[in-house]
Amino acid sequence: GKQRELVAVITNGGGPNYGDSVKGRFTISRDNAQNTVYLQMIDLK
């Protein structure tokens, strides 16, 4: 029932950008060699 919203994005060579509701709880990272992005989520609600 809700619109799709930003959680977190990251550009290869750039910094991350987080949605307000997940700041401080989620961490995005990427492995450029593996073309893989990870999202570590803690304190889930």
Full PDB file with SEQRES, HELIX, SHEET, SSBOND, CRYST1, ORIGX, SCALE, CONECT and MASTER records, all heavy atoms in Angstrom:
SEQRES   1 A   45  GLY LYS GLN ARG GLU LEU VAL ALA VAL ILE THR ASN GLY          
SEQRES   2 A   45  GLY GLY PRO ASN TYR GLY ASP SER VAL LYS GLY ARG PHE          
SEQRES   3 A   45  THR ILE SER ARG ASP ASN ALA GLN ASN THR VAL TYR LEU          
SEQRES   4 A   45  GLN MET ILE ASP LEU LYS                                      
HELIX    1 AA1 ASP A   20  VAL A   22  5                                   3    
SHEET    1 AA1 2 ALA A   8  ILE A  10  0                                        
SHEET    2 AA1 2 PRO A  16  TYR A  18 -1                                        
SHEET    1 AA2 2 PHE A  26  ASP A  31  0                                        
SHEET    2 AA2 2 THR A  36  MET A  41 -1                                        
CRYST1    1.000    1.000    1.000  90.00  90.00  90.00 P 1           1          
ORIGX1      1.000000  0.000000  0.000000        0.00000                         
ORIGX2      0.000000  1.000000  0.000000        0.00000                         
ORIGX3      0.000000  0.000000  1.000000        0.00000                         
SCALE1      1.000000  0.000000  0.000000        0.00000                         
SCALE2      0.000000  1.000000  0.000000        0.00000                         
SCALE3      0.000000  0.000000  1.000000        0.00000                         
ATOM      1  N   GLY A   1       0.776  -1.226   0.000  1.00  0.00           N  
ATOM      2  CA  GLY A   1       0.000   0.000   0.000  1.00  0.00           C  
ATOM      3  C   GLY A   1       0.811   1.281   0.000  1.00  0.00           C  
ATOM      4  O   GLY A   1       0.247   2.373   0.086  1.00  0.00           O  
ATOM      5  N   LYS A   2       2.131   1.147  -0.094  1.00  0.00           N  
ATOM      6  CA  LYS A   2       2.987   2.329  -0.068  1.00  0.00           C  
ATOM      7  C   LYS A   2       3.818   2.418  -1.341  1.00  0.00           C  
ATOM      8  O   LYS A   2       4.001   1.440  -2.062  1.00  0.00           O  
ATOM      9  CB  LYS A   2       3.895   2.303   1.157  1.00  0.00           C  
ATOM     10  CG  LYS A   2       3.153   2.401   2.477  1.00  0.00           C  
ATOM     11  CD  LYS A   2       4.118   2.548   3.638  1.00  0.00           C  
ATOM     12  CE  LYS A   2       3.378   2.736   4.951  1.00  0.00           C  
ATOM     13  NZ  LYS A   2       4.324   2.907   6.092  1.00  0.00           N  
ATOM     14  N   GLN A   3       4.345   3.606  -1.580  1.00  0.00           N  
ATOM     15  CA  GLN A   3       5.205   3.806  -2.738  1.00  0.00           C  
ATOM     16  C   GLN A   3       6.614   3.245  -2.461  1.00  0.00           C  
ATOM     17  O   GLN A   3       7.040   3.160  -1.308  1.00  0.00           O  
ATOM     18  CB  GLN A   3       5.302   5.306  -3.067  1.00  0.00           C  
ATOM     19  CG  GLN A   3       4.028   5.892  -3.644  1.00  0.00           C  
ATOM     20  CD  GLN A   3       4.229   7.321  -4.113  1.00  0.00           C  
ATOM     21  OE1 GLN A   3       5.043   8.058  -3.582  1.00  0.00           O  
ATOM     22  NE2 GLN A   3       3.493   7.712  -5.141  1.00  0.00           N  
ATOM     23  N   ARG A   4       7.286   2.903  -3.525  1.00  0.00           N  
ATOM     24  CA  ARG A   4       8.663   2.460  -3.397  1.00  0.00           C  
ATOM     25  C   ARG A   4       9.509   3.638  -2.915  1.00  0.00           C  
ATOM     26  O   ARG A   4       9.374   4.757  -3.415  1.00  0.00           O  
ATOM     27  CB  ARG A   4       9.180   1.928  -4.730  1.00  0.00           C  
ATOM     28  CG  ARG A   4      10.477   1.164  -4.638  1.00  0.00           C  
ATOM     29  CD  ARG A   4      10.798   0.455  -5.948  1.00  0.00           C  
ATOM     30  NE  ARG A   4       9.812  -0.572  -6.264  1.00  0.00           N  
ATOM     31  CZ  ARG A   4       9.959  -1.444  -7.261  1.00  0.00           C  
ATOM     32  NH1 ARG A   4      11.052  -1.398  -8.028  1.00  0.00           N  
ATOM     33  NH2 ARG A   4       9.023  -2.335  -7.501  1.00  0.00           N  
ATOM     34  N   GLU A   5      10.400   3.373  -1.959  1.00  0.00           N  
ATOM     35  CA  GLU A   5      11.204   4.441  -1.388  1.00  0.00           C  
ATOM     36  C   GLU A   5      12.680   4.059  -1.347  1.00  0.00           C  
ATOM     37  O   GLU A   5      13.036   2.883  -1.293  1.00  0.00           O  
ATOM     38  CB  GLU A   5      10.739   4.776   0.037  1.00  0.00           C  
ATOM     39  CG  GLU A   5      10.920   3.657   1.037  1.00  0.00           C  
ATOM     40  CD  GLU A   5      10.580   4.089   2.457  1.00  0.00           C  
ATOM     41  OE1 GLU A   5      10.234   5.262   2.681  1.00  0.00           O  
ATOM     42  OE2 GLU A   5      10.683   3.230   3.354  1.00  0.00           O  
ATOM     43  N   LEU A   6      13.508   5.076  -1.338  1.00  0.00           N  
ATOM     44  CA  LEU A   6      14.944   4.885  -1.251  1.00  0.00           C  
ATOM     45  C   LEU A   6      15.322   4.322   0.111  1.00  0.00           C  
ATOM     46  O   LEU A   6      14.879   4.815   1.159  1.00  0.00           O  
ATOM     47  CB  LEU A   6      15.658   6.220  -1.458  1.00  0.00           C  
ATOM     48  CG  LEU A   6      17.146   6.246  -1.130  1.00  0.00           C  
ATOM     49  CD1 LEU A   6      17.943   5.461  -2.165  1.00  0.00           C  
ATOM     50  CD2 LEU A   6      17.644   7.685  -1.045  1.00  0.00           C  
ATOM     51  N   VAL A   7      16.172   3.306   0.086  1.00  0.00           N  
ATOM     52  CA  VAL A   7      16.800   2.816   1.306  1.00  0.00           C  
ATOM     53  C   VAL A   7      18.240   3.326   1.359  1.00  0.00           C  
ATOM     54  O   VAL A   7      18.620   4.061   2.264  1.00  0.00           O  
ATOM     55  CB  VAL A   7      16.777   1.277   1.387  1.00  0.00           C  
ATOM     56  CG1 VAL A   7      17.503   0.805   2.646  1.00  0.00           C  
ATOM     57  CG2 VAL A   7      15.346   0.759   1.364  1.00  0.00           C  
ATOM     58  N   ALA A   8      19.033   2.930   0.373  1.00  0.00           N  
ATOM     59  CA  ALA A   8      20.426   3.378   0.312  1.00  0.00           C  
ATOM     60  C   ALA A   8      20.980   3.089  -1.062  1.00  0.00           C  
ATOM     61  O   ALA A   8      20.645   2.071  -1.682  1.00  0.00           O  
ATOM     62  CB  ALA A   8      21.273   2.674   1.369  1.00  0.00           C  
ATOM     63  N   VAL A   9      21.826   3.985  -1.561  1.00  0.00           N  
ATOM     64  CA  VAL A   9      22.515   3.784  -2.830  1.00  0.00           C  
ATOM     65  C   VAL A   9      23.958   4.188  -2.665  1.00  0.00           C  
ATOM     66  O   VAL A   9      24.305   4.969  -1.778  1.00  0.00           O  
ATOM     67  CB  VAL A   9      21.862   4.585  -3.978  1.00  0.00           C  
ATOM     68  CG1 VAL A   9      20.456   4.088  -4.267  1.00  0.00           C  
ATOM     69  CG2 VAL A   9      21.859   6.076  -3.679  1.00  0.00           C  
ATOM     70  N   ILE A  10      24.793   3.657  -3.553  1.00  0.00           N  
ATOM     71  CA  ILE A  10      26.215   3.993  -3.523  1.00  0.00           C  
ATOM     72  C   ILE A  10      26.766   3.896  -4.941  1.00  0.00           C  
ATOM     73  O   ILE A  10      26.457   2.954  -5.674  1.00  0.00           O  
ATOM     74  CB  ILE A  10      26.973   3.064  -2.553  1.00  0.00           C  
ATOM     75  CG1 ILE A  10      28.429   3.494  -2.417  1.00  0.00           C  
ATOM     76  CG2 ILE A  10      26.863   1.603  -2.964  1.00  0.00           C  
ATOM     77  CD1 ILE A  10      29.152   2.800  -1.262  1.00  0.00           C  
ATOM     78  N   THR A  11      27.568   4.862  -5.315  1.00  0.00           N  
ATOM     79  CA  THR A  11      28.196   4.901  -6.631  1.00  0.00           C  
ATOM     80  C   THR A  11      29.618   4.359  -6.533  1.00  0.00           C  
ATOM     81  O   THR A  11      30.277   4.602  -5.525  1.00  0.00           O  
ATOM     82  CB  THR A  11      28.225   6.342  -7.159  1.00  0.00           C  
ATOM     83  OG1 THR A  11      26.902   6.833  -7.224  1.00  0.00           O  
ATOM     84  CG2 THR A  11      28.859   6.407  -8.533  1.00  0.00           C  
ATOM     85  N   ASN A  12      30.050   3.617  -7.542  1.00  0.00           N  
ATOM     86  CA  ASN A  12      31.420   3.114  -7.487  1.00  0.00           C  
ATOM     87  C   ASN A  12      32.379   4.310  -7.436  1.00  0.00           C  
ATOM     88  O   ASN A  12      32.390   5.159  -8.302  1.00  0.00           O  
ATOM     89  CB  ASN A  12      31.740   2.165  -8.632  1.00  0.00           C  
ATOM     90  CG  ASN A  12      31.398   2.720  -9.991  1.00  0.00           C  
ATOM     91  OD1 ASN A  12      30.662   3.693 -10.108  1.00  0.00           O  
ATOM     92  ND2 ASN A  12      31.922   2.111 -11.033  1.00  0.00           N  
ATOM     93  N   GLY A  13      33.148   4.372  -6.374  1.00  0.00           N  
ATOM     94  CA  GLY A  13      34.054   5.486  -6.161  1.00  0.00           C  
ATOM     95  C   GLY A  13      33.442   6.641  -5.411  1.00  0.00           C  
ATOM     96  O   GLY A  13      34.121   7.629  -5.117  1.00  0.00           O  
ATOM     97  N   GLY A  14      32.152   6.544  -5.084  1.00  0.00           N  
ATOM     98  CA  GLY A  14      31.497   7.633  -4.378  1.00  0.00           C  
ATOM     99  C   GLY A  14      30.973   7.214  -3.025  1.00  0.00           C  
ATOM    100  O   GLY A  14      31.097   6.060  -2.628  1.00  0.00           O  
ATOM    101  N   GLY A  15      30.390   8.169  -2.343  1.00  0.00           N  
ATOM    102  CA  GLY A  15      29.865   7.890  -1.010  1.00  0.00           C  
ATOM    103  C   GLY A  15      28.440   7.405  -1.057  1.00  0.00           C  
ATOM    104  O   GLY A  15      27.769   7.443  -2.095  1.00  0.00           O  
ATOM    105  N   PRO A  16      27.940   6.923   0.074  1.00  0.00           N  
ATOM    106  CA  PRO A  16      26.574   6.413   0.146  1.00  0.00           C  
ATOM    107  C   PRO A  16      25.550   7.528   0.354  1.00  0.00           C  
ATOM    108  O   PRO A  16      25.888   8.624   0.814  1.00  0.00           O  
ATOM    109  CB  PRO A  16      26.617   5.498   1.363  1.00  0.00           C  
ATOM    110  CG  PRO A  16      27.636   6.134   2.252  1.00  0.00           C  
ATOM    111  CD  PRO A  16      28.667   6.713   1.331  1.00  0.00           C  
ATOM    112  N   ASN A  17      24.335   7.179   0.031  1.00  0.00           N  
ATOM    113  CA  ASN A  17      23.211   8.080   0.278  1.00  0.00           C  
ATOM    114  C   ASN A  17      22.098   7.230   0.883  1.00  0.00           C  
ATOM    115  O   ASN A  17      21.722   6.198   0.311  1.00  0.00           O  
ATOM    116  CB  ASN A  17      22.746   8.726  -1.030  1.00  0.00           C  
ATOM    117  CG  ASN A  17      21.642   9.728  -0.809  1.00  0.00           C  
ATOM    118  OD1 ASN A  17      21.581  10.381   0.224  1.00  0.00           O  
ATOM    119  ND2 ASN A  17      20.756   9.857  -1.791  1.00  0.00           N  
ATOM    120  N   TYR A  18      21.568   7.667   2.034  1.00  0.00           N  
ATOM    121  CA  TYR A  18      20.580   6.882   2.765  1.00  0.00           C  
ATOM    122  C   TYR A  18      19.242   7.598   2.850  1.00  0.00           C  
ATOM    123  O   TYR A  18      19.177   8.833   2.915  1.00  0.00           O  
ATOM    124  CB  TYR A  18      21.060   6.616   4.199  1.00  0.00           C  
ATOM    125  CG  TYR A  18      22.283   5.756   4.304  1.00  0.00           C  
ATOM    126  CD1 TYR A  18      23.546   6.322   4.428  1.00  0.00           C  
ATOM    127  CD2 TYR A  18      22.181   4.368   4.276  1.00  0.00           C  
ATOM    128  CE1 TYR A  18      24.687   5.532   4.520  1.00  0.00           C  
ATOM    129  CE2 TYR A  18      23.307   3.560   4.373  1.00  0.00           C  
ATOM    130  CZ  TYR A  18      24.552   4.148   4.493  1.00  0.00           C  
ATOM    131  OH  TYR A  18      25.671   3.357   4.585  1.00  0.00           O  
ATOM    132  N   GLY A  19      18.180   6.783   2.902  1.00  0.00           N  
ATOM    133  CA  GLY A  19      16.881   7.332   3.226  1.00  0.00           C  
ATOM    134  C   GLY A  19      16.859   7.724   4.699  1.00  0.00           C  
ATOM    135  O   GLY A  19      17.546   7.115   5.532  1.00  0.00           O  
ATOM    136  N   ASP A  20      16.072   8.728   5.031  1.00  0.00           N  
ATOM    137  CA  ASP A  20      16.068   9.253   6.396  1.00  0.00           C  
ATOM    138  C   ASP A  20      15.684   8.197   7.429  1.00  0.00           C  
ATOM    139  O   ASP A  20      16.199   8.189   8.545  1.00  0.00           O  
ATOM    140  CB  ASP A  20      15.101  10.438   6.497  1.00  0.00           C  
ATOM    141  CG  ASP A  20      15.625  11.670   5.772  1.00  0.00           C  
ATOM    142  OD1 ASP A  20      16.843  11.746   5.525  1.00  0.00           O  
ATOM    143  OD2 ASP A  20      14.807  12.552   5.458  1.00  0.00           O  
ATOM    144  N   SER A  21      14.793   7.298   7.069  1.00  0.00           N  
ATOM    145  CA  SER A  21      14.276   6.347   8.053  1.00  0.00           C  
ATOM    146  C   SER A  21      15.274   5.250   8.423  1.00  0.00           C  
ATOM    147  O   SER A  21      15.055   4.541   9.407  1.00  0.00           O  
ATOM    148  CB  SER A  21      12.995   5.700   7.524  1.00  0.00           C  
ATOM    149  OG  SER A  21      13.256   4.975   6.342  1.00  0.00           O  
ATOM    150  N   VAL A  22      16.361   5.126   7.676  1.00  0.00           N  
ATOM    151  CA  VAL A  22      17.314   4.050   7.960  1.00  0.00           C  
ATOM    152  C   VAL A  22      18.671   4.559   8.395  1.00  0.00           C  
ATOM    153  O   VAL A  22      19.552   3.761   8.739  1.00  0.00           O  
ATOM    154  CB  VAL A  22      17.481   3.117   6.737  1.00  0.00           C  
ATOM    155  CG1 VAL A  22      16.123   2.596   6.272  1.00  0.00           C  
ATOM    156  CG2 VAL A  22      18.225   3.800   5.603  1.00  0.00           C  
ATOM    157  N   LYS A  23      18.857   5.861   8.400  1.00  0.00           N  
ATOM    158  CA  LYS A  23      20.155   6.412   8.788  1.00  0.00           C  
ATOM    159  C   LYS A  23      20.523   5.981  10.199  1.00  0.00           C  
ATOM    160  O   LYS A  23      19.702   6.036  11.113  1.00  0.00           O  
ATOM    161  CB  LYS A  23      20.118   7.938   8.692  1.00  0.00           C  
ATOM    162  CG  LYS A  23      20.124   8.462   7.271  1.00  0.00           C  
ATOM    163  CD  LYS A  23      20.076   9.987   7.236  1.00  0.00           C  
ATOM    164  CE  LYS A  23      20.082  10.492   5.794  1.00  0.00           C  
ATOM    165  NZ  LYS A  23      19.957  11.973   5.726  1.00  0.00           N  
ATOM    166  N   GLY A  24      21.761   5.538  10.345  1.00  0.00           N  
ATOM    167  CA  GLY A  24      22.237   5.100  11.646  1.00  0.00           C  
ATOM    168  C   GLY A  24      21.978   3.632  11.935  1.00  0.00           C  
ATOM    169  O   GLY A  24      22.523   3.082  12.893  1.00  0.00           O  
ATOM    170  N   ARG A  25      21.145   2.985  11.112  1.00  0.00           N  
ATOM    171  CA  ARG A  25      20.833   1.576  11.337  1.00  0.00           C  
ATOM    172  C   ARG A  25      21.283   0.685  10.167  1.00  0.00           C  
ATOM    173  O   ARG A  25      21.613  -0.479  10.358  1.00  0.00           O  
ATOM    174  CB  ARG A  25      19.325   1.388  11.537  1.00  0.00           C  
ATOM    175  CG  ARG A  25      18.774   2.131  12.738  1.00  0.00           C  
ATOM    176  CD  ARG A  25      17.312   1.776  12.990  1.00  0.00           C  
ATOM    177  NE  ARG A  25      16.451   2.148  11.881  1.00  0.00           N  
ATOM    178  CZ  ARG A  25      15.695   1.305  11.197  1.00  0.00           C  
ATOM    179  NH1 ARG A  25      15.676   0.021  11.509  1.00  0.00           N  
ATOM    180  NH2 ARG A  25      14.936   1.734  10.199  1.00  0.00           N  
ATOM    181  N   PHE A  26      21.257   1.216   8.986  1.00  0.00           N  
ATOM    182  CA  PHE A  26      21.626   0.454   7.791  1.00  0.00           C  
ATOM    183  C   PHE A  26      22.948   0.982   7.254  1.00  0.00           C  
ATOM    184  O   PHE A  26      23.220   2.190   7.304  1.00  0.00           O  
ATOM    185  CB  PHE A  26      20.561   0.591   6.709  1.00  0.00           C  
ATOM    186  CG  PHE A  26      19.241  -0.069   7.015  1.00  0.00           C  
ATOM    187  CD1 PHE A  26      18.949  -0.576   8.270  1.00  0.00           C  
ATOM    188  CD2 PHE A  26      18.281  -0.176   6.023  1.00  0.00           C  
ATOM    189  CE1 PHE A  26      17.735  -1.178   8.543  1.00  0.00           C  
ATOM    190  CE2 PHE A  26      17.057  -0.780   6.277  1.00  0.00           C  
ATOM    191  CZ  PHE A  26      16.791  -1.273   7.540  1.00  0.00           C  
ATOM    192  N   THR A  27      23.734   0.064   6.703  1.00  0.00           N  
ATOM    193  CA  THR A  27      24.996   0.432   6.087  1.00  0.00           C  
ATOM    194  C   THR A  27      25.107  -0.235   4.726  1.00  0.00           C  
ATOM    195  O   THR A  27      24.977  -1.458   4.617  1.00  0.00           O  
ATOM    196  CB  THR A  27      26.191   0.004   6.951  1.00  0.00           C  
ATOM    197  OG1 THR A  27      26.079   0.598   8.252  1.00  0.00           O  
ATOM    198  CG2 THR A  27      27.505   0.447   6.313  1.00  0.00           C  
ATOM    199  N   ILE A  28      25.353   0.570   3.704  1.00  0.00           N  
ATOM    200  CA  ILE A  28      25.524   0.037   2.357  1.00  0.00           C  
ATOM    201  C   ILE A  28      27.004   0.014   2.018  1.00  0.00           C  
ATOM    202  O   ILE A  28      27.761   0.913   2.411  1.00  0.00           O  
ATOM    203  CB  ILE A  28      24.725   0.854   1.322  1.00  0.00           C  
ATOM    204  CG1 ILE A  28      24.709   0.136  -0.032  1.00  0.00           C  
ATOM    205  CG2 ILE A  28      25.274   2.273   1.194  1.00  0.00           C  
ATOM    206  CD1 ILE A  28      23.726   0.738  -1.029  1.00  0.00           C  
ATOM    207  N   SER A  29      27.416  -1.025   1.328  1.00  0.00           N  
ATOM    208  CA  SER A  29      28.797  -1.127   0.873  1.00  0.00           C  
ATOM    209  C   SER A  29      28.804  -1.873  -0.464  1.00  0.00           C  
ATOM    210  O   SER A  29      27.796  -2.478  -0.846  1.00  0.00           O  
ATOM    211  CB  SER A  29      29.665  -1.859   1.897  1.00  0.00           C  
ATOM    212  OG  SER A  29      29.181  -3.183   2.104  1.00  0.00           O  
ATOM    213  N   ARG A  30      29.917  -1.800  -1.162  1.00  0.00           N  
ATOM    214  CA  ARG A  30      29.988  -2.499  -2.437  1.00  0.00           C  
ATOM    215  C   ARG A  30      31.375  -3.036  -2.693  1.00  0.00           C  
ATOM    216  O   ARG A  30      32.366  -2.491  -2.197  1.00  0.00           O  
ATOM    217  CB  ARG A  30      29.523  -1.611  -3.587  1.00  0.00           C  
ATOM    218  CG  ARG A  30      30.331  -0.352  -3.828  1.00  0.00           C  
ATOM    219  CD  ARG A  30      29.688   0.477  -4.946  1.00  0.00           C  
ATOM    220  NE  ARG A  30      29.830  -0.175  -6.249  1.00  0.00           N  
ATOM    221  CZ  ARG A  30      29.125   0.162  -7.321  1.00  0.00           C  
ATOM    222  NH1 ARG A  30      28.222   1.135  -7.262  1.00  0.00           N  
ATOM    223  NH2 ARG A  30      29.328  -0.470  -8.457  1.00  0.00           N  
ATOM    224  N   ASP A  31      31.409  -4.116  -3.435  1.00  0.00           N  
ATOM    225  CA  ASP A  31      32.651  -4.727  -3.900  1.00  0.00           C  
ATOM    226  C   ASP A  31      32.682  -4.525  -5.405  1.00  0.00           C  
ATOM    227  O   ASP A  31      31.986  -5.221  -6.148  1.00  0.00           O  
ATOM    228  CB  ASP A  31      32.664  -6.210  -3.526  1.00  0.00           C  
ATOM    229  CG  ASP A  31      33.946  -6.909  -3.932  1.00  0.00           C  
ATOM    230  OD1 ASP A  31      34.631  -6.437  -4.867  1.00  0.00           O  
ATOM    231  OD2 ASP A  31      34.255  -7.938  -3.334  1.00  0.00           O  
ATOM    232  N   ASN A  32      33.457  -3.553  -5.852  1.00  0.00           N  
ATOM    233  CA  ASN A  32      33.467  -3.225  -7.275  1.00  0.00           C  
ATOM    234  C   ASN A  32      34.014  -4.373  -8.128  1.00  0.00           C  
ATOM    235  O   ASN A  32      33.573  -4.566  -9.262  1.00  0.00           O  
ATOM    236  CB  ASN A  32      34.275  -1.957  -7.515  1.00  0.00           C  
ATOM    237  CG  ASN A  32      33.584  -0.733  -6.956  1.00  0.00           C  
ATOM    238  OD1 ASN A  32      32.355  -0.637  -6.928  1.00  0.00           O  
ATOM    239  ND2 ASN A  32      34.372   0.232  -6.486  1.00  0.00           N  
ATOM    240  N   ALA A  33      34.957  -5.101  -7.590  1.00  0.00           N  
ATOM    241  CA  ALA A  33      35.532  -6.208  -8.349  1.00  0.00           C  
ATOM    242  C   ALA A  33      34.496  -7.302  -8.602  1.00  0.00           C  
ATOM    243  O   ALA A  33      34.541  -7.985  -9.633  1.00  0.00           O  
ATOM    244  CB  ALA A  33      36.730  -6.783  -7.612  1.00  0.00           C  
ATOM    245  N   GLN A  34      33.564  -7.456  -7.662  1.00  0.00           N  
ATOM    246  CA  GLN A  34      32.529  -8.487  -7.776  1.00  0.00           C  
ATOM    247  C   GLN A  34      31.197  -7.918  -8.256  1.00  0.00           C  
ATOM    248  O   GLN A  34      30.223  -8.660  -8.395  1.00  0.00           O  
ATOM    249  CB  GLN A  34      32.326  -9.175  -6.417  1.00  0.00           C  
ATOM    250  CG  GLN A  34      33.556  -9.890  -5.898  1.00  0.00           C  
ATOM    251  CD  GLN A  34      33.975 -11.045  -6.782  1.00  0.00           C  
ATOM    252  OE1 GLN A  34      33.119 -11.760  -7.342  1.00  0.00           O  
ATOM    253  NE2 GLN A  34      35.268 -11.242  -6.944  1.00  0.00           N  
ATOM    254  N   ASN A  35      31.167  -6.609  -8.504  1.00  0.00           N  
ATOM    255  CA  ASN A  35      29.920  -5.948  -8.917  1.00  0.00           C  
ATOM    256  C   ASN A  35      28.770  -6.300  -7.989  1.00  0.00           C  
ATOM    257  O   ASN A  35      27.651  -6.636  -8.434  1.00  0.00           O  
ATOM    258  CB  ASN A  35      29.572  -6.323 -10.363  1.00  0.00           C  
ATOM    259  CG  ASN A  35      30.624  -5.871 -11.342  1.00  0.00           C  
ATOM    260  OD1 ASN A  35      31.023  -4.708 -11.353  1.00  0.00           O  
ATOM    261  ND2 ASN A  35      31.114  -6.795 -12.150  1.00  0.00           N  
ATOM    262  N   THR A  36      29.058  -6.251  -6.714  1.00  0.00           N  
ATOM    263  CA  THR A  36      28.087  -6.653  -5.697  1.00  0.00           C  
ATOM    264  C   THR A  36      27.899  -5.527  -4.684  1.00  0.00           C  
ATOM    265  O   THR A  36      28.874  -4.883  -4.285  1.00  0.00           O  
ATOM    266  CB  THR A  36      28.552  -7.927  -4.987  1.00  0.00           C  
ATOM    267  OG1 THR A  36      28.682  -8.983  -5.952  1.00  0.00           O  
ATOM    268  CG2 THR A  36      27.557  -8.356  -3.922  1.00  0.00           C  
ATOM    269  N   VAL A  37      26.658  -5.335  -4.290  1.00  0.00           N  
ATOM    270  CA  VAL A  37      26.343  -4.350  -3.270  1.00  0.00           C  
ATOM    271  C   VAL A  37      25.718  -5.080  -2.087  1.00  0.00           C  
ATOM    272  O   VAL A  37      24.987  -6.061  -2.262  1.00  0.00           O  
ATOM    273  CB  VAL A  37      25.414  -3.249  -3.819  1.00  0.00           C  
ATOM    274  CG1 VAL A  37      24.041  -3.797  -4.211  1.00  0.00           C  
ATOM    275  CG2 VAL A  37      25.268  -2.110  -2.833  1.00  0.00           C  
ATOM    276  N   TYR A  38      26.037  -4.601  -0.903  1.00  0.00           N  
ATOM    277  CA  TYR A  38      25.544  -5.210   0.325  1.00  0.00           C  
ATOM    278  C   TYR A  38      24.770  -4.176   1.135  1.00  0.00           C  
ATOM    279  O   TYR A  38      25.085  -2.981   1.098  1.00  0.00           O  
ATOM    280  CB  TYR A  38      26.706  -5.731   1.172  1.00  0.00           C  
ATOM    281  CG  TYR A  38      27.601  -6.700   0.447  1.00  0.00           C  
ATOM    282  CD1 TYR A  38      28.758  -6.259  -0.177  1.00  0.00           C  
ATOM    283  CD2 TYR A  38      27.286  -8.053   0.380  1.00  0.00           C  
ATOM    284  CE1 TYR A  38      29.588  -7.140  -0.850  1.00  0.00           C  
ATOM    285  CE2 TYR A  38      28.109  -8.942  -0.289  1.00  0.00           C  
ATOM    286  CZ  TYR A  38      29.257  -8.480  -0.901  1.00  0.00           C  
ATOM    287  OH  TYR A  38      30.071  -9.357  -1.557  1.00  0.00           O  
ATOM    288  N   LEU A  39      23.809  -4.656   1.887  1.00  0.00           N  
ATOM    289  CA  LEU A  39      23.070  -3.793   2.802  1.00  0.00           C  
ATOM    290  C   LEU A  39      23.021  -4.494   4.152  1.00  0.00           C  
ATOM    291  O   LEU A  39      22.340  -5.514   4.308  1.00  0.00           O  
ATOM    292  CB  LEU A  39      21.651  -3.524   2.296  1.00  0.00           C  
ATOM    293  CG  LEU A  39      20.849  -2.541   3.149  1.00  0.00           C  
ATOM    294  CD1 LEU A  39      21.436  -1.124   3.029  1.00  0.00           C  
ATOM    295  CD2 LEU A  39      19.378  -2.522   2.736  1.00  0.00           C  
ATOM    296  N   GLN A  40      23.774  -3.965   5.096  1.00  0.00           N  
ATOM    297  CA  GLN A  40      23.741  -4.490   6.455  1.00  0.00           C  
ATOM    298  C   GLN A  40      22.689  -3.728   7.232  1.00  0.00           C  
ATOM    299  O   GLN A  40      22.756  -2.502   7.335  1.00  0.00           O  
ATOM    300  CB  GLN A  40      25.109  -4.325   7.128  1.00  0.00           C  
ATOM    301  CG  GLN A  40      25.162  -4.829   8.553  1.00  0.00           C  
ATOM    302  CD  GLN A  40      24.990  -6.344   8.630  1.00  0.00           C  
ATOM    303  OE1 GLN A  40      25.663  -7.098   7.942  1.00  0.00           O  
ATOM    304  NE2 GLN A  40      24.078  -6.782   9.490  1.00  0.00           N  
ATOM    305  N   MET A  41      21.735  -4.460   7.768  1.00  0.00           N  
ATOM    306  CA  MET A  41      20.631  -3.841   8.486  1.00  0.00           C  
ATOM    307  C   MET A  41      20.651  -4.306   9.940  1.00  0.00           C  
ATOM    308  O   MET A  41      20.676  -5.517  10.199  1.00  0.00           O  
ATOM    309  CB  MET A  41      19.297  -4.234   7.836  1.00  0.00           C  
ATOM    310  CG  MET A  41      19.233  -3.933   6.353  1.00  0.00           C  
ATOM    311  SD  MET A  41      17.638  -4.322   5.602  1.00  0.00           S  
ATOM    312  CE  MET A  41      17.668  -6.116   5.681  1.00  0.00           C  
ATOM    313  N   ILE A  42      20.688  -3.367  10.848  1.00  0.00           N  
ATOM    314  CA  ILE A  42      20.646  -3.690  12.267  1.00  0.00           C  
ATOM    315  C   ILE A  42      19.479  -2.958  12.913  1.00  0.00           C  
ATOM    316  O   ILE A  42      18.891  -2.050  12.312  1.00  0.00           O  
ATOM    317  CB  ILE A  42      21.967  -3.321  12.975  1.00  0.00           C  
ATOM    318  CG1 ILE A  42      22.173  -1.801  12.969  1.00  0.00           C  
ATOM    319  CG2 ILE A  42      23.143  -4.043  12.341  1.00  0.00           C  
ATOM    320  CD1 ILE A  42      23.339  -1.358  13.842  1.00  0.00           C  
ATOM    321  N   ASP A  43      19.159  -3.373  14.142  1.00  0.00           N  
ATOM    322  CA  ASP A  43      18.070  -2.743  14.883  1.00  0.00           C  
ATOM    323  C   ASP A  43      16.802  -2.649  14.027  1.00  0.00           C  
ATOM    324  O   ASP A  43      16.167  -1.593  13.936  1.00  0.00           O  
ATOM    325  CB  ASP A  43      18.485  -1.350  15.372  1.00  0.00           C  
ATOM    326  CG  ASP A  43      17.512  -0.751  16.371  1.00  0.00           C  
ATOM    327  OD1 ASP A  43      16.777  -1.519  17.018  1.00  0.00           O  
ATOM    328  OD2 ASP A  43      17.454   0.492  16.480  1.00  0.00           O  
ATOM    329  N   LEU A  44      16.450  -3.755  13.417  1.00  0.00           N  
ATOM    330  CA  LEU A  44      15.301  -3.763  12.524  1.00  0.00           C  
ATOM    331  C   LEU A  44      14.003  -3.547  13.283  1.00  0.00           C  
ATOM    332  O   LEU A  44      13.842  -3.999  14.432  1.00  0.00           O  
ATOM    333  CB  LEU A  44      15.255  -5.064  11.737  1.00  0.00           C  
ATOM    334  CG  LEU A  44      16.258  -5.127  10.582  1.00  0.00           C  
ATOM    335  CD1 LEU A  44      16.527  -6.556  10.157  1.00  0.00           C  
ATOM    336  CD2 LEU A  44      15.764  -4.307   9.408  1.00  0.00           C  
ATOM    337  N   LYS A  45      13.074  -2.858  12.637  1.00  0.00           N  
ATOM    338  CA  LYS A  45      11.791  -2.510  13.222  1.00  0.00           C  
ATOM    339  C   LYS A  45      10.664  -3.057  12.339  1.00  0.00           C  
ATOM    340  O   LYS A  45      10.870  -3.278  11.138  1.00  0.00           O  
ATOM    341  CB  LYS A  45      11.674  -0.992  13.327  1.00  0.00           C  
ATOM    342  CG  LYS A  45      12.818  -0.334  14.083  1.00  0.00           C  
ATOM    343  CD  LYS A  45      12.689   1.187  14.044  1.00  0.00           C  
ATOM    344  CE  LYS A  45      13.848   1.846  14.785  1.00  0.00           C  
ATOM    345  NZ  LYS A  45      13.744   3.319  14.773  1.00  0.00           N  
TER     346      LYS A  45                                                      
MASTER        0    0    0    1    4    0    0    6  345    1    0    4          
END                                                                             
